[in-house]
């Protein structure tokens, strides 16, 4: 952790700095010039390698399958597009010493940028287990309070360090989306620290208050020795908990009719592979967990299985007992994959297929491999067969997660 010349630059990619201009820009991708740390309480800190190793930066695990990091690190030429990343991104989480095999290595498969801020959510191809995500603070740190910053960027003597470093900073007064920081005892934020967590401890609880964005990089390896400024600007996250919570939410769908959770039957083959049945006691795995993706301006949602990212489709071309059957089988969400969620008087939900206009029902009369099959086949909500409960199954560690109701995700 250390910082470049008189120009605050992005903490990801190549350093763009000019002593003459004194302008504050984004940090290139490289570490906090503070001491090395093996503190496992910081295991949620991630190192991201982008493309074919041409740049790297830091990030923070905020849910077992999601990171927060710097948008400018991911895409130095402008905000990254939502969806699959344009370049390969590999994340290493929970490995404070990169020469070891501790922690987990995951690929980033989806980006969700936040408009107007140097922040992006990055979804991992698999959940990370055994590492507690960082909790997002509900308010910025008090002006003058101490903040700890962690990252894998340059230090005072290393261009590409192999260990996580930390530094201690003093928080300034928040300004819009920015959290000003000032290094204590020579601590500075360097290239590669972009996206790294800034943490404040209040009442014995340590929470995420910002992620690395811009810095003067005074004292960083490769910086002009005349540059001694150790100030930085992090991107605030204390006002983003609701946005993060909505995007990282995973849901279990429980049938009111039999009290069982819905599972996508990926063990089946042929035309019934991925069919949905209400048949498990808990939403314990990817077969029983779904994300809700906005279907567009009509207010609809699509259910995306956590297993292979397949969308749930209404099979209106099937015959007889499988007509309107729900199957997780589509890589893209079209009309067949859209539903309207309708809140019922008892607080549960009905799902109405946009494609055929019918409500989803649990077929309690079916037996065998199709027992408790879900079909969009009822013209009204007549009882418990058409009502379902949504239960959060993710591990986003913020109280706001409990207030998120199932529905279309925010667009930014």
Protein backbone atom coordinates (compact mmCIF):
# COMPACT_ATOMS: atom_id res chain seq x y z
CA UNK A 1 0.00 0.00 0.00
CA UNK A 2 1.61 3.23 -1.16
CA UNK A 3 0.75 6.08 -3.59
CA UNK A 4 2.03 7.75 -6.87
CA UNK A 5 2.87 11.32 -7.85
CA UNK A 6 1.07 14.55 -7.21
CA UNK A 7 -1.76 13.38 -9.34
CA UNK A 8 -4.26 11.07 -7.70
CA UNK A 9 -4.61 8.19 -10.08
CA UNK A 10 -6.80 5.14 -10.31
CA UNK A 11 -5.57 2.23 -8.26
CA UNK A 12 -5.85 -0.23 -11.12
CA UNK A 13 -3.91 -0.66 -14.35
CA UNK A 14 -1.01 1.58 -15.34
CA UNK A 15 -0.28 4.62 -13.19
CA UNK A 16 -1.38 7.83 -14.85
CA UNK A 17 0.30 10.53 -12.86
CA UNK A 18 1.67 13.97 -13.47
CA UNK A 19 3.40 16.00 -10.81
CA UNK A 20 2.83 19.14 -12.81
CA UNK A 21 -0.95 18.99 -13.00
CA UNK A 22 -1.65 18.00 -9.42
CA UNK A 23 -4.91 16.46 -10.60
CA UNK A 24 -6.63 13.64 -8.76
CA UNK A 25 -7.14 10.63 -11.01
CA UNK A 26 -7.76 6.93 -10.58
CA UNK A 27 -5.20 4.53 -9.13
CA UNK A 28 -3.41 2.01 -11.31
CA UNK A 29 -3.79 -1.65 -10.54
CA UNK A 30 -1.06 -2.54 -8.10
CA UNK A 31 -0.73 -2.15 -2.57
CA UNK A 32 -1.09 -0.41 0.68
CA UNK A 33 2.39 0.51 1.88
CA UNK A 34 1.62 -0.60 5.40
CA UNK A 35 2.83 -3.85 6.96
CA UNK A 36 2.21 -7.35 5.67
CA UNK A 37 -0.64 -9.12 7.41
CA UNK A 38 -1.75 -12.70 7.89
CA UNK A 39 -4.83 -11.55 9.80
CA UNK A 40 -7.59 -14.01 8.87
CA UNK A 41 -10.21 -11.46 9.89
CA UNK A 42 -9.28 -9.82 6.57
CA UNK A 43 -9.68 -13.06 4.60
CA UNK A 44 -12.57 -11.47 2.70
CA UNK A 45 -10.01 -9.34 0.83
CA UNK A 46 -9.54 -10.52 -2.74
CA UNK A 47 -6.90 -10.13 -5.42
CA UNK A 48 -8.23 -9.82 -8.97
CA UNK A 49 -6.18 -10.60 -12.06
CA UNK A 50 -7.64 -9.23 -15.26
CA UNK A 51 -7.05 -10.33 -18.83
CA UNK A 52 -3.85 -12.18 -19.56
CA UNK A 53 -2.15 -10.87 -16.43
CA UNK A 54 -1.85 -7.33 -17.78
CA UNK A 55 -3.35 -5.78 -14.65
CA UNK A 56 -4.48 -6.67 -11.15
CA UNK A 57 -6.32 -5.02 -8.31
CA UNK A 58 -8.07 -5.76 -5.03
CA UNK A 59 -11.64 -6.44 -3.98
CA UNK A 60 -13.77 -7.53 -1.05
CA UNK A 61 -16.17 -10.44 -0.56
CA UNK A 62 -19.59 -9.10 0.46
CA UNK A 63 -21.53 -12.35 -0.07
CA UNK A 64 -20.22 -15.85 -0.64
CA UNK A 65 -20.63 -15.48 -4.42
CA UNK A 66 -20.13 -11.72 -4.87
CA UNK A 67 -17.26 -9.23 -4.66
CA UNK A 68 -17.26 -5.44 -4.57
CA UNK A 69 -14.39 -3.79 -6.42
CA UNK A 70 -13.41 -0.73 -8.44
CA UNK A 71 -15.20 -0.29 -11.77
CA UNK A 72 -12.21 1.65 -13.14
CA UNK A 73 -9.94 -1.28 -12.39
CA UNK A 74 -12.18 -3.65 -14.34
CA UNK A 75 -12.54 -1.23 -17.24
CA UNK A 76 -9.96 1.61 -17.30
CA UNK A 77 -11.46 3.17 -20.46
CA UNK A 78 -14.94 3.72 -19.07
CA UNK A 79 -17.64 2.09 -16.95
CA UNK A 80 -17.85 -1.68 -17.50
CA UNK A 81 -20.95 -3.01 -19.20
CA UNK A 82 -23.37 -5.05 -17.13
CA UNK A 83 -23.21 -8.76 -17.79
CA UNK A 84 -20.32 -11.07 -18.59
CA UNK A 85 -16.92 -9.35 -18.30
CA UNK A 86 -15.18 -8.35 -21.55
CA UNK A 87 -11.94 -9.90 -20.29
CA UNK A 88 -11.26 -12.93 -18.14
CA UNK A 89 -11.14 -12.04 -14.43
CA UNK A 90 -9.79 -14.44 -11.83
CA UNK A 91 -10.29 -13.72 -8.13
CA UNK A 92 -8.24 -15.15 -5.27
CA UNK A 93 -10.00 -14.83 -1.92
CA UNK A 94 -8.71 -15.64 1.56
CA UNK A 95 -5.05 -15.99 0.57
CA UNK A 96 -3.11 -13.37 2.52
CA UNK A 97 0.11 -14.98 1.24
CA UNK A 98 -0.17 -15.61 -2.49
CA UNK A 99 2.62 -18.21 -2.40
CA UNK A 100 0.30 -20.58 -0.50
CA UNK A 101 -2.79 -22.52 -1.54
CA UNK A 102 -5.05 -21.11 1.18
CA UNK A 103 -8.47 -19.69 0.37
CA UNK A 104 -10.23 -20.06 -2.96
CA UNK A 105 -9.75 -19.13 -6.61
CA UNK A 106 -12.85 -18.25 -8.63
CA UNK A 107 -13.72 -16.82 -12.03
CA UNK A 108 -15.86 -13.70 -12.35
CA UNK A 109 -18.89 -14.42 -14.56
CA UNK A 110 -21.06 -11.33 -14.16
CA UNK A 111 -20.58 -7.60 -13.54
CA UNK A 112 -23.15 -5.20 -12.10
CA UNK A 113 -21.85 -1.59 -12.15
CA UNK A 114 -23.30 1.16 -10.01
CA UNK A 115 -24.01 4.21 -12.15
CA UNK A 116 -22.03 7.33 -11.28
CA UNK A 117 -19.65 5.66 -8.82
CA UNK A 118 -16.37 3.77 -9.05
CA UNK A 119 -18.04 0.59 -7.81
CA UNK A 120 -18.98 -2.70 -9.43
CA UNK A 121 -20.38 -5.96 -8.12
CA UNK A 122 -18.67 -9.08 -9.49
CA UNK A 123 -20.40 -12.45 -9.30
CA UNK A 124 -18.20 -15.53 -8.90
CA UNK A 125 -18.75 -18.78 -10.76
CA UNK A 126 -18.96 -20.64 -7.44
CA UNK A 127 -19.62 -19.63 -3.85
CA UNK A 128 -16.67 -19.25 -1.48
CA UNK A 129 -17.09 -21.31 1.68
CA UNK A 130 -15.38 -20.91 5.04
CA UNK A 131 -14.72 -17.16 4.65
CA UNK A 132 -17.11 -14.71 6.29
CA UNK A 133 -18.07 -11.82 3.95
CA UNK A 134 -17.50 -8.24 5.03
CA UNK A 135 -20.53 -6.48 6.48
CA UNK A 136 -21.41 -3.13 4.89
CA UNK A 137 -21.71 -0.20 7.30
CA UNK A 138 -24.96 1.73 7.54
CA UNK A 139 -23.23 5.10 7.86
CA UNK A 140 -19.85 6.63 6.96
CA UNK A 141 -17.05 6.66 9.52
CA UNK A 142 -16.92 9.65 11.83
CA UNK A 143 -14.67 12.44 10.60
CA UNK A 144 -11.28 12.05 12.25
CA UNK A 145 -11.81 8.37 13.10
CA UNK A 146 -9.38 5.61 12.17
CA UNK A 147 -9.92 3.44 9.10
CA UNK A 148 -7.96 0.33 8.10
CA UNK A 149 -7.30 -0.26 4.41
CA UNK A 150 -6.20 -3.61 2.94
CA UNK A 151 -4.93 -4.45 -0.52
CA UNK A 152 -2.52 -6.33 -2.76
CA UNK A 153 -1.03 -3.28 -4.52
CA UNK A 154 2.51 -1.98 -4.60
CA UNK A 155 4.40 -1.21 -1.43
CA UNK A 156 7.28 1.18 -0.86
CA UNK A 157 9.72 -1.47 -2.11
CA UNK A 158 7.75 -4.03 -4.16
CA UNK A 159 6.18 -3.67 -7.58
CA UNK A 160 4.13 -6.86 -7.32
CA UNK A 161 3.96 -7.98 -3.67
CA UNK A 162 2.89 -11.50 -2.83
CA UNK A 163 1.29 -10.72 0.51
CA UNK A 164 -1.70 -8.72 1.68
CA UNK A 165 -0.77 -5.38 3.25
CA UNK A 166 -2.71 -3.02 5.48
CA UNK A 167 -2.44 0.62 6.40
CA UNK A 168 -4.07 2.95 8.92
CA UNK A 169 -5.80 6.11 7.73
CA UNK A 170 -7.80 9.01 9.13
CA UNK A 171 -11.27 9.48 7.68
CA UNK A 172 -12.24 12.87 6.34
CA UNK A 173 -15.72 14.28 5.90
CA UNK A 174 -17.63 12.38 3.17
CA UNK A 175 -18.33 14.36 0.02
CA UNK A 176 -20.97 12.91 -2.26
CA UNK A 177 -19.80 9.47 -3.36
CA UNK A 178 -16.26 9.99 -2.01
CA UNK A 179 -14.70 9.13 1.34
CA UNK A 180 -11.47 11.13 1.87
CA UNK A 181 -8.65 9.31 3.66
CA UNK A 182 -5.30 10.53 4.95
CA UNK A 183 -2.48 8.09 5.67
CA UNK A 184 -1.10 7.77 9.18
CA UNK A 185 2.60 7.14 9.83
CA UNK A 186 3.41 7.06 6.12
CA UNK A 187 0.65 4.62 5.11
CA UNK A 188 -0.43 5.19 1.55
CA UNK A 189 -2.65 3.52 -1.05
CA UNK A 190 -0.88 2.35 -4.21
CA UNK A 191 -1.56 0.98 -7.65
CA UNK A 192 -3.20 -2.43 -7.25
CA UNK A 193 -5.11 -1.42 -4.14
CA UNK A 194 -8.06 -0.30 -6.25
CA UNK A 195 -11.20 -2.02 -5.00
CA UNK A 196 -9.61 -2.99 -1.69
CA UNK A 197 -11.67 -2.61 1.49
CA UNK A 198 -11.64 0.35 3.87
CA UNK A 199 -12.88 -0.80 7.28
CA UNK A 200 -14.06 1.09 10.34
CA UNK A 201 -14.64 -0.37 13.79
CA UNK A 202 -17.46 1.01 15.93
CA UNK A 203 -18.71 -0.57 19.13
CA UNK A 204 -16.48 -3.59 18.56
CA UNK A 205 -17.96 -4.24 15.10
CA UNK A 206 -15.78 -3.88 12.00
CA UNK A 207 -17.63 -2.92 8.82
CA UNK A 208 -16.92 -1.96 5.24
CA UNK A 209 -17.13 1.80 4.63
CA UNK A 210 -15.37 2.21 1.28
CA UNK A 211 -13.37 0.63 -1.52
CA UNK A 212 -10.14 1.96 -3.05
CA UNK A 213 -10.56 4.36 -5.95
CA UNK A 214 -8.03 7.24 -6.21
CA UNK A 215 -4.82 8.19 -4.47
CA UNK A 216 -1.79 10.47 -4.61
CA UNK A 217 0.35 7.35 -4.08
CA UNK A 218 3.07 9.25 -2.23
CA UNK A 219 5.77 6.78 -1.19
CA UNK A 220 4.66 3.99 -3.51
CA UNK A 221 7.31 2.06 -5.38
CA UNK A 222 7.97 3.81 -8.69
CA UNK A 223 6.51 7.15 -7.56
CA UNK A 224 8.54 10.35 -7.82
CA UNK A 225 10.33 10.72 -4.45
CA UNK A 226 9.20 14.33 -4.37
CA UNK A 227 5.62 13.13 -4.00
CA UNK A 228 4.88 12.73 -0.30
CA UNK A 229 1.11 13.16 -0.27
CA UNK A 230 -0.59 10.10 1.27
CA UNK A 231 -4.17 11.26 0.83
CA UNK A 232 -6.72 9.19 -1.06
CA UNK A 233 -10.36 9.10 -2.08
CA UNK A 234 -12.29 5.87 -1.57
CA UNK A 235 -15.72 5.21 -3.01
CA UNK A 236 -18.31 5.20 -0.25
CA UNK A 237 -20.38 2.05 0.20
CA UNK A 238 -22.29 2.84 3.41
CA UNK A 239 -25.26 3.98 1.30
CA UNK A 240 -25.16 0.96 -1.03
CA UNK A 241 -26.25 -1.86 1.29
CA UNK A 242 -29.77 -1.98 -0.15
CA UNK A 243 -28.49 -2.07 -3.74
CA UNK A 244 -25.99 -4.80 -2.93
CA UNK A 245 -28.56 -6.80 -0.96
CA UNK A 246 -31.04 -6.82 -3.84
CA UNK A 247 -28.48 -7.99 -6.38
CA UNK A 248 -26.82 -10.71 -4.31
CA UNK A 249 -30.12 -12.14 -3.04
CA UNK A 250 -30.73 -15.85 -3.62
CA UNK A 251 -34.12 -17.30 -2.87
CA UNK A 252 -35.68 -20.58 -1.90
CA UNK A 253 -39.23 -21.07 -3.20
CA UNK A 254 -41.49 -22.93 -0.76
CA UNK A 255 -44.89 -24.31 -1.73
CA UNK A 256 -47.63 -23.42 0.72
CA UNK A 257 -49.52 -26.55 -0.38
CA UNK A 258 -47.06 -29.12 0.98
CA UNK A 259 -44.48 -27.05 2.90
CA UNK A 260 -41.66 -28.24 0.63
CA UNK A 261 -39.01 -26.23 -1.19
CA UNK A 262 -38.86 -26.24 -4.96
CA UNK A 263 -35.99 -28.11 -6.58
CA UNK A 264 -34.85 -28.16 -10.20
CA UNK A 265 -34.34 -31.80 -11.11
CA UNK A 266 -31.04 -31.72 -12.95
CA UNK A 267 -30.59 -35.42 -12.38
CA UNK A 268 -33.37 -36.09 -14.88
CA UNK A 269 -32.64 -36.52 -18.57
CA UNK A 270 -34.38 -35.64 -21.79
CA UNK A 271 -37.47 -33.42 -21.87
CA UNK A 272 -37.92 -33.42 -18.09
CA UNK A 273 -34.37 -32.42 -17.14
CA UNK A 274 -34.54 -29.41 -14.83
CA UNK A 275 -38.27 -29.74 -14.12
CA UNK A 276 -39.35 -27.98 -10.93
CA UNK A 277 -40.86 -30.00 -8.07
CA UNK A 278 -41.78 -28.96 -4.53
CA UNK A 279 -40.10 -31.82 -2.74
CA UNK A 280 -37.17 -30.83 -0.44
CA UNK A 281 -37.11 -29.87 3.24
CA UNK A 282 -34.53 -27.08 2.91
CA UNK A 283 -33.04 -24.89 0.16
CA UNK A 284 -29.60 -26.27 0.88
CA UNK A 285 -28.01 -26.42 -2.57
CA UNK A 286 -27.91 -24.86 -6.01
CA UNK A 287 -30.84 -26.98 -7.22
CA UNK A 288 -33.11 -25.27 -4.65
CA UNK A 289 -31.79 -21.71 -5.00
CA UNK A 290 -32.83 -19.06 -7.50
CA UNK A 291 -32.05 -15.45 -8.27
CA UNK A 292 -34.75 -13.07 -9.49
CA UNK A 293 -33.78 -11.16 -12.62
CA UNK A 294 -35.73 -8.16 -13.87
CA UNK A 295 -37.83 -8.96 -16.91
CA UNK A 296 -38.05 -5.36 -18.12
CA UNK A 297 -40.56 -2.52 -18.01
CA UNK A 298 -43.54 -4.84 -17.51
CA UNK A 299 -42.49 -5.50 -13.91
CA UNK A 300 -41.93 -9.18 -14.52
CA UNK A 301 -39.14 -11.32 -13.14
CA UNK A 302 -37.31 -14.38 -14.36
CA UNK A 303 -36.19 -17.17 -12.04
CA UNK A 304 -32.58 -18.18 -12.67
CA UNK A 305 -31.40 -21.44 -11.13
CA UNK A 306 -28.12 -21.24 -9.27
CA UNK A 307 -27.25 -24.51 -10.99
CA UNK A 308 -25.73 -23.68 -14.39
CA UNK A 309 -27.44 -20.23 -14.44
CA UNK A 310 -30.42 -21.62 -16.34
CA UNK A 311 -33.70 -19.70 -16.46
CA UNK A 312 -37.00 -21.33 -15.57
CA UNK A 313 -39.25 -21.72 -18.60
CA UNK A 314 -42.98 -22.51 -18.96
CA UNK A 315 -43.27 -25.45 -21.35
CA UNK A 316 -46.48 -24.65 -23.21
CA UNK A 317 -45.73 -27.06 -26.06
CA UNK A 318 -45.75 -30.15 -23.85
CA UNK A 319 -48.73 -32.49 -23.83
CA UNK A 320 -51.12 -33.66 -21.16
CA UNK A 321 -49.72 -33.76 -17.61
CA UNK A 322 -46.59 -31.81 -18.58
CA UNK A 323 -48.42 -28.93 -20.27
CA UNK A 324 -47.22 -25.68 -18.64
CA UNK A 325 -44.49 -27.54 -16.75
CA UNK A 326 -41.75 -25.35 -15.25
CA UNK A 327 -38.19 -26.32 -16.25
CA UNK A 328 -34.82 -24.69 -15.60
CA UNK A 329 -33.45 -25.09 -19.10
CA UNK A 330 -32.95 -21.75 -20.91
CA UNK A 331 -29.71 -19.77 -21.14
CA UNK A 332 -31.66 -16.60 -21.95
CA UNK A 333 -34.85 -15.07 -20.58
CA UNK A 334 -37.60 -14.49 -23.16
CA UNK A 335 -41.39 -14.44 -22.78
CA UNK A 336 -41.57 -18.08 -21.71
CA UNK A 337 -39.26 -17.27 -18.80
CA UNK A 338 -41.15 -14.27 -17.39
CA UNK A 339 -43.46 -14.22 -14.36
CA UNK A 340 -45.44 -11.65 -12.43
CA UNK A 341 -45.15 -11.90 -8.65
CA UNK A 342 -48.45 -11.12 -6.94
CA UNK A 343 -48.49 -10.62 -3.19
CA UNK A 344 -51.35 -12.47 -1.50
CA UNK A 345 -53.36 -11.46 1.55
CA UNK A 346 -51.45 -13.91 3.76
CA UNK A 347 -48.06 -12.45 2.69
CA UNK A 348 -47.17 -15.27 0.32
CA UNK A 349 -46.87 -14.94 -3.45
CA UNK A 350 -48.54 -16.23 -6.58
CA UNK A 351 -46.52 -16.57 -9.80
CA UNK A 352 -48.34 -15.77 -13.02
CA UNK A 353 -46.76 -16.77 -16.31
CA UNK A 354 -46.49 -13.85 -18.73
CA UNK A 355 -46.39 -16.32 -21.62
CA UNK A 356 -49.69 -18.15 -21.09
CA UNK A 357 -51.37 -15.98 -18.44
CA UNK A 358 -51.79 -18.90 -16.03
CA UNK A 359 -50.80 -19.19 -12.38
CA UNK A 360 -48.17 -21.68 -11.22
CA UNK A 361 -49.62 -24.57 -9.24
CA UNK A 362 -48.10 -27.41 -7.21
CA UNK A 363 -49.50 -30.69 -8.51
CA UNK A 364 -50.08 -32.56 -5.24
CA UNK A 365 -52.05 -35.30 -7.01
CA UNK A 366 -49.11 -36.37 -9.15
CA UNK A 367 -47.04 -39.37 -8.10
CA UNK A 368 -43.68 -40.89 -8.94
CA UNK A 369 -40.98 -38.80 -10.60
CA UNK A 370 -43.45 -36.00 -11.31
CA UNK A 371 -44.85 -35.80 -7.77
CA UNK A 372 -45.47 -32.17 -6.74
CA UNK A 373 -44.53 -30.87 -10.20
CA UNK A 374 -44.91 -27.12 -10.80
CA UNK A 375 -47.13 -26.16 -13.75
CA UNK A 376 -48.46 -22.83 -15.00
CA UNK A 377 -52.02 -24.05 -15.57
CA UNK A 378 -54.51 -22.32 -13.23
CA UNK A 379 -56.61 -19.32 -14.29
CA UNK A 380 -56.88 -18.02 -10.73
CA UNK A 381 -55.36 -18.32 -7.25
CA UNK A 382 -57.83 -20.70 -5.67
CA UNK A 383 -55.81 -21.87 -2.67
CA UNK A 384 -52.49 -23.05 -1.29
CA UNK A 385 -51.57 -24.89 -4.50
CA UNK A 386 -50.93 -21.52 -6.17
CA UNK A 387 -49.20 -19.80 -3.25
CA UNK A 388 -45.49 -19.78 -2.44
CA UNK A 389 -43.12 -18.33 0.14
CA UNK A 390 -39.76 -16.76 -0.80
CA UNK A 391 -36.92 -17.32 1.68
CA UNK A 392 -33.50 -15.66 1.49
CA UNK A 393 -30.77 -18.30 1.12
CA UNK A 394 -27.71 -16.09 0.58
CA UNK A 395 -25.37 -14.99 3.36
CA UNK A 396 -25.25 -11.23 2.85
CA UNK A 397 -24.29 -10.06 6.38
CA UNK A 398 -26.33 -6.87 6.69
CA UNK A 399 -29.63 -6.34 8.47
CA UNK A 400 -31.16 -4.79 5.34
CA UNK A 401 -31.19 -8.23 3.69
CA UNK A 402 -34.28 -9.12 5.70
CA UNK A 403 -36.27 -6.21 4.33
CA UNK A 404 -35.74 -7.13 0.67
CA UNK A 405 -38.94 -8.46 -0.85
CA UNK A 406 -38.81 -10.66 -3.93
CA UNK A 407 -39.26 -8.64 -7.09
CA UNK A 408 -37.43 -7.10 -10.02
CA UNK A 409 -33.84 -6.16 -9.30
CA UNK A 410 -32.78 -2.51 -9.50
CA UNK A 411 -31.24 -1.62 -12.84
CA UNK A 412 -28.15 0.05 -11.37
